[in-house]
PDB file of N, CA and C in Angstrom:
ATOM      1  N   MET A   1       0.689  -1.196   0.177  1.00  0.00           N
ATOM      2  CA  MET A   1       0.049   0.218  -0.194  1.00  0.00           C
ATOM      3  C   MET A   1       0.875   1.339   0.049  1.00  0.00           C
ATOM      4  N   GLY A   2       0.471   2.495  -0.843  1.00  0.00           N
ATOM      5  CA  GLY A   2       1.232   3.219  -1.104  1.00  0.00           C
ATOM      6  C   GLY A   2       1.020   4.452  -0.018  1.00  0.00           C
ATOM      7  N   LEU A   3       1.597   5.506  -0.342  1.00  0.00           N
ATOM      8  CA  LEU A   3       1.345   6.874   0.439  1.00  0.00           C
ATOM      9  C   LEU A   3       0.325   7.517  -0.138  1.00  0.00           C
ATOM     10  N   THR A   4      -0.815   8.150   0.997  1.00  0.00           N
ATOM     11  CA  THR A   4      -1.814   8.820   0.613  1.00  0.00           C
ATOM     12  C   THR A   4      -1.321   9.983   0.419  1.00  0.00           C
ATOM     13  N   ASN A   5      -2.294  11.052  -0.148  1.00  0.00           N
ATOM     14  CA  ASN A   5      -2.022  12.685  -0.181  1.00  0.00           C
ATOM     15  C   ASN A   5      -1.870  13.104   1.402  1.00  0.00           C
ATOM     16  N   ASN A   6      -2.486  12.829   2.196  1.00  0.00           N
ATOM     17  CA  ASN A   6      -2.506  12.824   3.729  1.00  0.00           C
ATOM     18  C   ASN A   6      -1.024  12.453   3.998  1.00  0.00           C
ATOM     19  N   ASP A   7      -0.521  11.514   3.924  1.00  0.00           N
ATOM     20  CA  ASP A   7       0.483  11.245   4.242  1.00  0.00           C
ATOM     21  C   ASP A   7       1.550  11.965   3.921  1.00  0.00           C
ATOM     22  N   ILE A   8       1.621  12.315   2.604  1.00  0.00           N
ATOM     23  CA  ILE A   8       2.801  13.052   2.024  1.00  0.00           C
ATOM     24  C   ILE A   8       2.660  14.593   2.589  1.00  0.00           C
ATOM     25  N   PHE A   9       1.183  14.762   2.677  1.00  0.00           N
ATOM     26  CA  PHE A   9       1.174  16.424   3.415  1.00  0.00           C
ATOM     27  C   PHE A   9       1.825  16.273   4.908  1.00  0.00           C
ATOM     28  N   LYS A  10       1.559  15.105   5.919  1.00  0.00           N
ATOM     29  CA  LYS A  10       1.802  15.328   6.894  1.00  0.00           C
ATOM     30  C   LYS A  10       3.448  14.866   7.070  1.00  0.00           C
ATOM     31  N   LYS A  11       4.287  14.391   6.319  1.00  0.00           N
ATOM     32  CA  LYS A  11       5.218  14.267   6.229  1.00  0.00           C
ATOM     33  C   LYS A  11       6.244  15.574   5.661  1.00  0.00           C
ATOM     34  N   LEU A  12       5.747  16.116   4.863  1.00  0.00           N
ATOM     35  CA  LEU A  12       6.072  17.544   4.236  1.00  0.00           C
ATOM     36  C   LEU A  12       5.969  18.598   5.612  1.00  0.00           C
ATOM     37  N   ARG A  13       5.033  18.631   6.046  1.00  0.00           N
ATOM     38  CA  ARG A  13       4.851  19.622   7.340  1.00  0.00           C
ATOM     39  C   ARG A  13       5.959  19.077   8.412  1.00  0.00           C
ATOM     40  N   VAL A  14       6.154  17.957   8.659  1.00  0.00           N
ATOM     41  CA  VAL A  14       6.974  17.423   9.912  1.00  0.00           C
ATOM     42  C   VAL A  14       8.430  17.789   9.089  1.00  0.00           C
ATOM     43  N   ALA A  15       8.645  17.517   8.367  1.00  0.00           N
ATOM     44  CA  ALA A  15      10.130  17.797   7.756  1.00  0.00           C
ATOM     45  C   ALA A  15      10.522  19.219   7.269  1.00  0.00           C
ATOM     46  N   HIS A  16       9.531  19.970   7.322  1.00  0.00           N
ATOM     47  CA  HIS A  16       9.957  21.786   7.185  1.00  0.00           C
ATOM     48  C   HIS A  16       9.551  22.097   8.283  1.00  0.00           C
ATOM     49  N   LYS A  17       9.046  21.231   9.308  1.00  0.00           N
ATOM     50  CA  LYS A  17       8.896  22.303  10.566  1.00  0.00           C
ATOM     51  C   LYS A  17       7.551  23.284  10.639  1.00  0.00           C
ATOM     52  N   LEU A  18       6.489  22.986   9.749  1.00  0.00           N
ATOM     53  CA  LEU A  18       5.882  24.174   9.241  1.00  0.00           C
ATOM     54  C   LEU A  18       4.433  24.074  10.674  1.00  0.00           C
ATOM     55  N   ARG A  19       3.849  24.971  10.789  1.00  0.00           N
ATOM     56  CA  ARG A  19       2.707  25.232  11.894  1.00  0.00           C
ATOM     57  C   ARG A  19       1.155  25.368  10.722  1.00  0.00           C
ATOM     58  N   ASP A  20       0.230  25.218  11.224  1.00  0.00           N
ATOM     59  CA  ASP A  20      -1.143  25.632  10.556  1.00  0.00           C
ATOM     60  C   ASP A  20      -1.174  26.932  10.037  1.00  0.00           C
ATOM     61  N   VAL A  21      -0.533  28.025  10.833  1.00  0.00           N
ATOM     62  CA  VAL A  21      -0.547  29.392  10.232  1.00  0.00           C
ATOM     63  C   VAL A  21       0.297  29.847   9.060  1.00  0.00           C
ATOM     64  N   GLU A  22       1.457  28.837   9.063  1.00  0.00           N
ATOM     65  CA  GLU A  22       2.634  29.072   7.953  1.00  0.00           C
ATOM     66  C   GLU A  22       1.864  28.089   6.598  1.00  0.00           C
ATOM     67  N   ILE A  23       1.291  27.200   7.204  1.00  0.00           N
ATOM     68  CA  ILE A  23       0.676  26.594   5.657  1.00  0.00           C
ATOM     69  C   ILE A  23      -0.378  27.140   4.941  1.00  0.00           C
ATOM     70  N   VAL A  24      -1.015  28.186   5.971  1.00  0.00           N
ATOM     71  CA  VAL A  24      -2.215  28.709   5.412  1.00  0.00           C
ATOM     72  C   VAL A  24      -1.554  29.922   4.501  1.00  0.00           C
ATOM     73  N   GLU A  25      -0.447  30.343   5.325  1.00  0.00           N
ATOM     74  CA  GLU A  25       0.392  31.399   4.479  1.00  0.00           C
ATOM     75  C   GLU A  25       1.106  31.234   2.952  1.00  0.00           C
ATOM     76  N   ILE A  26       1.407  29.870   3.349  1.00  0.00           N
ATOM     77  CA  ILE A  26       2.149  29.257   1.798  1.00  0.00           C
ATOM     78  C   ILE A  26       1.338  28.921   0.915  1.00  0.00           C
ATOM     79  N   CYS A  27      -0.161  28.688   1.159  1.00  0.00           N
ATOM     80  CA  CYS A  27      -1.113  28.284   0.181  1.00  0.00           C
ATOM     81  C   CYS A  27      -1.719  29.991  -0.484  1.00  0.00           C
ATOM     82  N   LYS A  28      -1.519  30.591   0.430  1.00  0.00           N
ATOM     83  CA  LYS A  28      -2.194  31.930  -0.085  1.00  0.00           C
ATOM     84  C   LYS A  28      -1.100  32.504  -1.233  1.00  0.00           C
ATOM     85  N   LEU A  29       0.192  31.849  -0.902  1.00  0.00           N
ATOM     86  CA  LEU A  29       0.756  32.548  -2.120  1.00  0.00           C
ATOM     87  C   LEU A  29       0.702  32.332  -3.507  1.00  0.00           C
ATOM     88  N   VAL A  30      -0.139  31.083  -3.674  1.00  0.00           N
ATOM     89  CA  VAL A  30      -0.786  30.769  -5.222  1.00  0.00           C
ATOM     90  C   VAL A  30      -2.309  30.805  -4.858  1.00  0.00           C
ATOM     91  N   ASP A  31      -2.766  31.580  -4.083  1.00  0.00           N
ATOM     92  CA  ASP A  31      -4.039  32.445  -4.367  1.00  0.00           C
ATOM     93  C   ASP A  31      -5.090  31.048  -3.895  1.00  0.00           C
ATOM     94  N   PHE A  32      -4.593  30.113  -3.100  1.00  0.00           N
ATOM     95  CA  PHE A  32      -5.220  29.096  -2.804  1.00  0.00           C
ATOM     96  C   PHE A  32      -5.909  29.670  -1.105  1.00  0.00           C
ATOM     97  N   LYS A  33      -7.357  29.537  -0.745  1.00  0.00           N
ATOM     98  CA  LYS A  33      -7.804  29.518   0.609  1.00  0.00           C
ATOM     99  C   LYS A  33      -7.602  28.473   1.035  1.00  0.00           C
ATOM    100  N   VAL A  34      -7.189  28.049   2.381  1.00  0.00           N
ATOM    101  CA  VAL A  34      -7.821  26.823   3.088  1.00  0.00           C
ATOM    102  C   VAL A  34      -7.460  27.317   4.477  1.00  0.00           C
ATOM    103  N   SER A  35      -8.266  26.924   5.686  1.00  0.00           N
ATOM    104  CA  SER A  35      -8.259  27.196   6.776  1.00  0.00           C
ATOM    105  C   SER A  35      -8.011  26.134   7.917  1.00  0.00           C
ATOM    106  N   LYS A  36      -7.695  26.786   8.963  1.00  0.00           N
ATOM    107  CA  LYS A  36      -6.740  26.107  10.000  1.00  0.00           C
ATOM    108  C   LYS A  36      -7.865  24.812  10.382  1.00  0.00           C
ATOM    109  N   SER A  37      -9.027  24.938  10.501  1.00  0.00           N
ATOM    110  CA  SER A  37      -9.713  23.654  10.669  1.00  0.00           C
ATOM    111  C   SER A  37      -9.669  22.609   9.426  1.00  0.00           C
ATOM    112  N   GLU A  38      -9.607  23.177   8.304  1.00  0.00           N
ATOM    113  CA  GLU A  38      -9.651  22.275   7.139  1.00  0.00           C
ATOM    114  C   GLU A  38      -8.411  21.326   7.183  1.00  0.00           C
ATOM    115  N   LEU A  39      -6.971  22.079   7.709  1.00  0.00           N
ATOM    116  CA  LEU A  39      -5.733  21.509   7.918  1.00  0.00           C
ATOM    117  C   LEU A  39      -5.962  20.303   9.161  1.00  0.00           C
ATOM    118  N   GLY A  40      -6.767  20.956  10.097  1.00  0.00           N
ATOM    119  CA  GLY A  40      -6.495  19.664  11.385  1.00  0.00           C
ATOM    120  C   GLY A  40      -7.214  18.585  10.560  1.00  0.00           C
ATOM    121  N   ALA A  41      -8.140  18.874   9.818  1.00  0.00           N
ATOM    122  CA  ALA A  41      -9.160  17.526   9.553  1.00  0.00           C
ATOM    123  C   ALA A  41      -8.061  16.705   8.438  1.00  0.00           C
ATOM    124  N   PHE A  42      -7.394  17.378   7.870  1.00  0.00           N
ATOM    125  CA  PHE A  42      -6.245  16.478   6.700  1.00  0.00           C
ATOM    126  C   PHE A  42      -5.142  15.700   7.875  1.00  0.00           C
ATOM    127  N   PHE A  43      -4.901  16.135   9.032  1.00  0.00           N
ATOM    128  CA  PHE A  43      -3.699  15.879   9.693  1.00  0.00           C
ATOM    129  C   PHE A  43      -4.030  14.481  11.037  1.00  0.00           C
ATOM    130  N   ARG A  44      -5.667  14.605  11.096  1.00  0.00           N
ATOM    131  CA  ARG A  44      -6.396  13.835  12.079  1.00  0.00           C
ATOM    132  C   ARG A  44      -6.033  12.305  11.582  1.00  0.00           C
ATOM    133  N   ASN A  45      -6.131  11.013  12.347  1.00  0.00           N
ATOM    134  CA  ASN A  45      -6.235   9.934  12.128  1.00  0.00           C
ATOM    135  C   ASN A  45      -7.226   9.514  11.206  1.00  0.00           C
ATOM    136  N   GLU A  46      -6.862   8.459  10.508  1.00  0.00           N
ATOM    137  CA  GLU A  46      -8.309   7.990   9.347  1.00  0.00           C
ATOM    138  C   GLU A  46      -9.417   7.652   9.992  1.00  0.00           C
ATOM    139  N   ASN A  47      -9.272   7.007  11.253  1.00  0.00           N
ATOM    140  CA  ASN A  47     -10.474   6.749  12.091  1.00  0.00           C
ATOM    141  C   ASN A  47     -11.263   7.713  12.707  1.00  0.00           C
ATOM    142  N   HIS A  48     -10.668   8.960  12.895  1.00  0.00           N
ATOM    143  CA  HIS A  48     -11.667  10.076  13.636  1.00  0.00           C
ATOM    144  C   HIS A  48     -12.771  10.513  12.460  1.00  0.00           C
ATOM    145  N   GLU A  49     -13.385  10.653  13.105  1.00  0.00           N
ATOM    146  CA  GLU A  49     -15.081  11.293  12.587  1.00  0.00           C
ATOM    147  C   GLU A  49     -14.631  12.237  11.601  1.00  0.00           C
ATOM    148  N   LYS A  50     -13.993  13.463  12.223  1.00  0.00           N
ATOM    149  CA  LYS A  50     -13.665  14.445  11.464  1.00  0.00           C
ATOM    150  C   LYS A  50     -12.706  14.563  10.537  1.00  0.00           C
ATOM    151  N   TYR A  51     -12.153  13.585  10.416  1.00  0.00           N
ATOM    152  CA  TYR A  51     -11.005  13.288   9.038  1.00  0.00           C
ATOM    153  C   TYR A  51     -11.321  13.562   8.190  1.00  0.00           C
ATOM    154  N   MET A  52     -10.756  14.458   6.783  1.00  0.00           N
ATOM    155  CA  MET A  52     -10.694  14.663   5.661  1.00  0.00           C
ATOM    156  C   MET A  52      -9.864  14.156   4.629  1.00  0.00           C
ATOM    157  N   GLU A  53     -10.239  13.768   3.351  1.00  0.00           N
ATOM    158  CA  GLU A  53      -9.013  13.204   2.487  1.00  0.00           C
ATOM    159  C   GLU A  53      -8.337  14.599   1.799  1.00  0.00           C
ATOM    160  N   CYS A  54      -7.114  14.564   1.405  1.00  0.00           N
ATOM    161  CA  CYS A  54      -6.322  15.458   1.101  1.00  0.00           C
ATOM    162  C   CYS A  54      -6.682  15.247  -0.316  1.00  0.00           C
ATOM    163  N   GLY A  55      -7.260  16.071  -1.345  1.00  0.00           N
ATOM    164  CA  GLY A  55      -7.300  15.993  -2.565  1.00  0.00           C
ATOM    165  C   GLY A  55      -6.145  16.401  -3.373  1.00  0.00           C
ATOM    166  N   ASP A  56      -6.156  15.961  -4.631  1.00  0.00           N
ATOM    167  CA  ASP A  56      -5.230  16.524  -5.247  1.00  0.00           C
ATOM    168  C   ASP A  56      -4.779  17.665  -5.674  1.00  0.00           C
ATOM    169  N   GLN A  57      -5.822  18.475  -5.580  1.00  0.00           N
ATOM    170  CA  GLN A  57      -5.896  20.004  -6.106  1.00  0.00           C
ATOM    171  C   GLN A  57      -5.156  20.370  -4.578  1.00  0.00           C
ATOM    172  N   MET A  58      -5.639  19.910  -3.197  1.00  0.00           N
ATOM    173  CA  MET A  58      -5.043  20.697  -2.300  1.00  0.00           C
ATOM    174  C   MET A  58      -3.421  20.247  -2.138  1.00  0.00           C
ATOM    175  N   LEU A  59      -2.905  19.428  -2.416  1.00  0.00           N
ATOM    176  CA  LEU A  59      -1.689  19.045  -2.134  1.00  0.00           C
ATOM    177  C   LEU A  59      -0.808  19.767  -3.537  1.00  0.00           C
ATOM    178  N   ARG A  60      -1.385  19.724  -4.532  1.00  0.00           N
ATOM    179  CA  ARG A  60      -0.385  20.468  -5.774  1.00  0.00           C
ATOM    180  C   ARG A  60      -0.791  21.736  -5.645  1.00  0.00           C
ATOM    181  N   ASN A  61      -1.544  22.744  -4.611  1.00  0.00           N
ATOM    182  CA  ASN A  61      -1.292  24.028  -4.531  1.00  0.00           C
ATOM    183  C   ASN A  61      -0.022  24.379  -3.218  1.00  0.00           C
ATOM    184  N   PHE A  62      -0.494  23.381  -2.301  1.00  0.00           N
ATOM    185  CA  PHE A  62       0.674  23.367  -1.420  1.00  0.00           C
ATOM    186  C   PHE A  62       2.039  23.182  -1.663  1.00  0.00           C
ATOM    187  N   LEU A  63       2.230  22.384  -2.613  1.00  0.00           N
ATOM    188  CA  LEU A  63       3.437  22.046  -3.113  1.00  0.00           C
ATOM    189  C   LEU A  63       3.995  23.141  -3.954  1.00  0.00           C
ATOM    190  N   ASN A  64       3.192  23.935  -4.996  1.00  0.00           N
ATOM    191  CA  ASN A  64       3.327  25.168  -5.559  1.00  0.00           C
ATOM    192  C   ASN A  64       4.070  26.059  -4.583  1.00  0.00           C
ATOM    193  N   GLY A  65       3.218  26.332  -3.622  1.00  0.00           N
ATOM    194  CA  GLY A  65       3.124  27.076  -2.561  1.00  0.00           C
ATOM    195  C   GLY A  65       4.445  27.120  -1.727  1.00  0.00           C
ATOM    196  N   LEU A  66       4.667  25.971  -1.795  1.00  0.00           N
ATOM    197  CA  LEU A  66       6.170  25.708  -0.533  1.00  0.00           C
ATOM    198  C   LEU A  66       7.376  25.973  -1.585  1.00  0.00           C
ATOM    199  N   ILE A  67       7.269  25.583  -2.918  1.00  0.00           N
ATOM    200  CA  ILE A  67       8.148  25.787  -3.935  1.00  0.00           C
ATOM    201  C   ILE A  67       8.748  27.514  -3.782  1.00  0.00           C
ATOM    202  N   ILE A  68       7.175  28.340  -3.711  1.00  0.00           N
ATOM    203  CA  ILE A  68       7.928  29.802  -3.932  1.00  0.00           C
ATOM    204  C   ILE A  68       8.344  30.543  -2.156  1.00  0.00           C
ATOM    205  N   HIS A  69       8.081  29.521  -1.239  1.00  0.00           N
ATOM    206  CA  HIS A  69       7.990  29.999   0.028  1.00  0.00           C
ATOM    207  C   HIS A  69       9.869  29.409   0.097  1.00  0.00           C
ATOM    208  N   LEU A  70      10.022  28.650  -0.166  1.00  0.00           N
ATOM    209  CA  LEU A  70      11.275  28.055  -0.324  1.00  0.00           C
ATOM    210  C   LEU A  70      12.475  28.879  -1.159  1.00  0.00           C
ATOM    211  N   ARG A  71      12.116  28.804  -2.453  1.00  0.00           N
ATOM    212  CA  ARG A  71      12.801  29.654  -3.750  1.00  0.00           C
ATOM    213  C   ARG A  71      12.443  31.029  -3.565  1.00  0.00           C
ATOM    214  N   GLY A  72      11.449  31.386  -3.497  1.00  0.00           N
ATOM    215  CA  GLY A  72      11.191  33.000  -3.872  1.00  0.00           C
ATOM    216  C   GLY A  72      10.380  32.971  -5.356  1.00  0.00           C
ATOM    217  N   PRO A  73       9.916  33.655  -5.453  1.00  0.00           N
ATOM    218  CA  PRO A  73       9.085  34.020  -6.761  1.00  0.00           C
ATOM    219  C   PRO A  73       9.893  33.872  -8.072  1.00  0.00           C
ATOM    220  N   ILE A  74       9.327  33.384  -9.164  1.00  0.00           N
ATOM    221  CA  ILE A  74      10.107  33.222 -10.376  1.00  0.00           C
ATOM    222  C   ILE A  74      10.192  34.321 -10.740  1.00  0.00           C
ATOM    223  N   LYS A  75      11.658  34.828 -11.279  1.00  0.00           N
ATOM    224  CA  LYS A  75      11.795  36.034 -11.674  1.00  0.00           C
ATOM    225  C   LYS A  75      11.639  35.945 -13.056  1.00  0.00           C
ATOM    226  N   LYS A  76      10.977  37.507 -13.692  1.00  0.00           N
ATOM    227  CA  LYS A  76      10.720  37.391 -14.816  1.00  0.00           C
ATOM    228  C   LYS A  76      11.700  37.859 -15.922  1.00  0.00           C
ATOM    229  N   LYS A  77      11.838  37.216 -17.308  1.00  0.00           N
ATOM    230  CA  LYS A  77      13.041  37.717 -17.895  1.00  0.00           C
ATOM    231  C   LYS A  77      12.891  38.920 -18.533  1.00  0.00           C
TER     232      LYS A  77
END
């Protein structure tokens, strides 16, 4: 069984030592709105009643925002 989007998201959060507020700000860098309560649902145990699967769009936007956060915006030629 492979990793789910939630697993990848959790691992990136831990690896980069990100807090919920920082993740919200990272998503804002790519004009993607996410709330702290939504993030909490992604990071819960699969058996928890408030658990929510992290979709491809959420993970893609977070990764794009993380790139901008770490490298800075793309410089125009």
